[in-house]
Every structure is written in structure tokens, then in C-alpha cells.
Amino acid sequence: MSGSNDAAEIRERAASVVRRAKFPFLATVSPDGQPRVRPVSPVRVESDFVLYVANLRRYGKTAEIAAEPRVELCYLDEAHDQVRITAVAEIVTDPAVLADIWAENPLLRKYLGTADNPELVIYRCRPVRVRYMREWALEYHEVPVACDP
């Protein structure tokens, strides 16, 4: 596929997979080099495939992301279409963003009590590459994204 219409179509297909699948798998690397994959539940999904993931400070992925912030998230929908988001995970420190995420997520409030719970870490996963593949297409398509520095 080539051309601006095809790029827009690929982007919309990829966004549709993210909306439908909802729960991606997050890949990190442990300090000893072992890949680790687990499902996550993003607390916010923004345009250009920017994802926010809540975490508890005591979880293994906290140390893994601190040591190696490059991560990959993979969405797989019911039709087996997939989106792979190669990203850099950053701890969110902006009080306004944290307050908005807290207000938007009743499960965070239920299980963590207060927004200033010291166990809570929110990661912003900033995409550096996004790829989309239809089931059995055997070829990934690059999804145009605005990658900020």
C-alpha cells in the first residue's frame, strides 16, 4: 500500500485494532536480559498511539523500565489483526496529567485510595514506531505517527 489515502487507511485500521482489543501485551527486558511479556490495561490512550499505563512501584516491570525504557506493546484483536507499538516509557510527573488520569479511572481510585499513593507509577509510552498487520497478511505496514523527541 502506498500513497496518502493508503497511509490514512492503515492508520485508521491500526487505531481500530487498539480500540477493539483494549488490552495490549507489554514487553520489557529484565536486568539479566530475559524478555518479559505481560498484559496491561492502559489508563489512557491518546492520539498518535501514545499510551499511559499504571503500575505499582513494587512490580518487576518498574525496575525493568528504569533500566531499559524501550518497550513494545502488542495489540491483537478478535480478527487476529495486530498493532505493534515500539515506544519509550517515561514516568509521568505532570500533576495536571496525573490528576486527569486519576479522575478518569475509577479502578485506580478503588484500589489505590488516593492519587498520592507512593506505590502508583504512571508511564507514558511514547511511540517511536507503529506497525499494523492484518491476520495472515505476513507483512507489516508502517503507521505514520508524530514521534516527538
Protein backbone atom coordinates (compact mmCIF):
# COMPACT_ATOMS: atom_id res chain seq x y z
CA MET A 1 0.00 0.00 0.00
CA SER A 2 1.30 3.43 -0.85
CA GLY A 3 0.05 6.98 -1.09
CA SER A 4 -1.65 9.28 1.40
CA ASN A 5 -5.04 7.56 1.20
CA ASP A 6 -3.44 4.21 1.93
CA ALA A 7 -1.46 5.72 4.83
CA ALA A 8 -4.67 7.17 6.28
CA GLU A 9 -6.43 3.82 5.84
CA ILE A 10 -3.60 1.93 7.55
CA ARG A 11 -3.61 4.44 10.40
CA GLU A 12 -7.38 4.06 10.87
CA ARG A 13 -7.16 0.26 10.76
CA ALA A 14 -4.44 0.34 13.40
CA ALA A 15 -6.43 2.74 15.59
CA SER A 16 -9.45 0.47 15.23
CA VAL A 17 -7.45 -2.54 16.48
CA VAL A 18 -6.36 -0.52 19.53
CA ARG A 19 -9.96 0.50 20.27
CA ARG A 20 -11.30 -3.05 19.90
CA ALA A 21 -8.54 -5.03 21.57
CA LYS A 22 -8.20 -2.67 24.58
CA PHE A 23 -5.59 -4.75 26.47
CA PRO A 24 -2.13 -4.93 24.88
CA PHE A 25 0.79 -7.06 25.93
CA LEU A 26 3.78 -5.09 27.20
CA ALA A 27 7.29 -6.39 26.56
CA THR A 28 10.25 -5.33 28.67
CA VAL A 29 13.68 -6.79 29.37
CA SER A 30 14.75 -7.88 32.85
CA PRO A 31 18.17 -6.82 34.18
CA ASP A 32 19.58 -10.27 33.32
CA GLY A 33 18.47 -9.87 29.68
CA GLN A 34 15.38 -12.09 29.87
CA PRO A 35 12.43 -10.75 27.83
CA ARG A 36 9.25 -10.35 29.88
CA VAL A 37 5.73 -10.03 28.46
CA ARG A 38 2.52 -9.34 30.34
CA PRO A 39 -0.96 -7.98 29.58
CA VAL A 40 -1.60 -4.41 30.70
CA SER A 41 -4.65 -2.20 30.88
CA PRO A 42 -3.87 1.31 29.62
CA VAL A 43 -5.42 4.05 31.74
CA ARG A 44 -5.40 6.43 28.78
CA VAL A 45 -4.89 6.17 25.01
CA GLU A 46 -4.17 9.39 23.14
CA SER A 47 -3.80 10.27 19.51
CA ASP A 48 -0.67 9.11 17.71
CA PHE A 49 -0.78 5.89 19.75
CA VAL A 50 0.54 7.45 22.97
CA LEU A 51 -0.45 5.09 25.80
CA TYR A 52 -0.46 5.58 29.56
CA VAL A 53 0.00 2.52 31.75
CA ALA A 54 -0.46 2.38 35.52
CA ASN A 55 1.91 0.30 37.57
CA LEU A 56 2.81 -0.39 41.17
CA ARG A 57 6.30 0.58 42.22
CA ARG A 58 6.95 -2.89 43.69
CA TYR A 59 6.22 -4.71 40.41
CA GLY A 60 9.08 -6.16 38.38
CA LYS A 61 8.40 -4.00 35.35
CA THR A 62 9.27 -0.89 37.40
CA ALA A 63 12.92 -1.94 37.69
CA GLU A 64 12.93 -3.27 34.13
CA ILE A 65 11.68 0.01 32.66
CA ALA A 66 14.07 2.02 34.86
CA ALA A 67 16.99 0.01 33.48
CA GLU A 68 15.71 -0.09 29.87
CA PRO A 69 12.87 2.30 28.99
CA ARG A 70 12.48 0.96 25.46
CA VAL A 71 9.35 -1.20 25.41
CA GLU A 72 6.97 -2.75 22.93
CA LEU A 73 3.22 -3.11 23.20
CA CYS A 74 1.26 -5.51 21.03
CA TYR A 75 -2.49 -5.42 20.47
CA LEU A 76 -4.28 -8.41 18.94
CA ASP A 77 -7.99 -8.10 18.14
CA GLU A 78 -10.67 -10.77 17.73
CA ALA A 79 -9.95 -10.98 13.98
CA HIS A 80 -6.24 -11.53 14.74
CA ASP A 81 -5.22 -8.17 13.26
CA GLN A 82 -2.35 -6.75 15.24
CA VAL A 83 -0.66 -3.47 16.09
CA ARG A 84 2.86 -3.32 17.46
CA ILE A 85 3.92 -0.11 19.17
CA THR A 86 7.63 0.34 19.79
CA ALA A 87 7.88 3.02 22.45
CA VAL A 88 9.90 4.71 25.14
CA ALA A 89 8.29 4.56 28.60
CA GLU A 90 8.60 7.67 30.76
CA ILE A 91 7.29 8.26 34.28
CA VAL A 92 4.56 10.91 34.24
CA THR A 93 5.25 13.69 36.74
CA ASP A 94 2.94 16.44 35.45
CA PRO A 95 0.39 16.98 38.25
CA ALA A 96 -2.38 18.02 35.82
CA VAL A 97 -1.97 14.87 33.70
CA LEU A 98 -1.86 12.67 36.79
CA ALA A 99 -4.99 14.35 38.19
CA ASP A 100 -6.85 13.85 34.91
CA ILE A 101 -5.87 10.18 34.72
CA TRP A 102 -6.87 9.69 38.36
CA ALA A 103 -10.27 11.32 37.73
CA GLU A 104 -10.87 9.20 34.59
CA ASN A 105 -10.13 5.82 36.22
CA PRO A 106 -12.43 4.58 38.99
CA LEU A 107 -10.40 1.37 39.40
CA LEU A 108 -7.31 3.36 40.33
CA ARG A 109 -9.35 5.22 42.96
CA LYS A 110 -10.91 1.99 44.26
CA TYR A 111 -7.68 0.04 44.70
CA LEU A 112 -5.15 2.76 45.49
CA GLY A 113 -7.27 5.09 47.62
CA THR A 114 -5.55 8.39 46.88
CA ALA A 115 -3.74 9.88 43.90
CA ASP A 116 -0.63 10.44 46.02
CA ASN A 117 -0.29 6.73 46.88
CA PRO A 118 3.51 6.17 46.80
CA GLU A 119 3.04 2.79 45.08
CA LEU A 120 1.43 4.35 41.98
CA VAL A 121 3.55 4.92 38.89
CA ILE A 122 2.05 6.08 35.58
CA TYR A 123 4.10 5.53 32.45
CA ARG A 124 3.65 7.47 29.24
CA CYS A 125 4.63 5.15 26.38
CA ARG A 126 5.72 7.46 23.58
CA PRO A 127 5.73 5.64 20.23
CA VAL A 128 8.79 5.69 18.02
CA ARG A 129 7.38 3.14 15.57
CA VAL A 130 3.93 1.69 14.97
CA ARG A 131 3.21 -1.27 12.69
CA TYR A 132 -0.05 -2.86 11.63
CA MET A 133 -0.73 -6.31 10.14
CA ARG A 134 -3.97 -7.93 9.08
CA GLU A 135 -4.45 -11.56 10.02
CA TRP A 136 -2.23 -13.79 7.89
CA ALA A 137 -1.10 -10.90 5.67
CA LEU A 138 2.50 -11.84 6.50
CA GLU A 139 3.53 -8.21 6.06
CA TYR A 140 3.61 -5.29 8.45
CA HIS A 141 2.63 -1.81 7.32
CA GLU A 142 4.24 1.24 8.89
CA VAL A 143 1.71 3.51 10.55
CA PRO A 144 2.55 7.21 10.32
CA VAL A 145 2.92 8.77 13.77
CA ALA A 146 4.31 12.04 15.04
CA CYS A 147 7.28 10.98 17.14
CA ASP A 148 8.27 13.80 19.44
CA PRO A 149 11.79 13.88 20.87
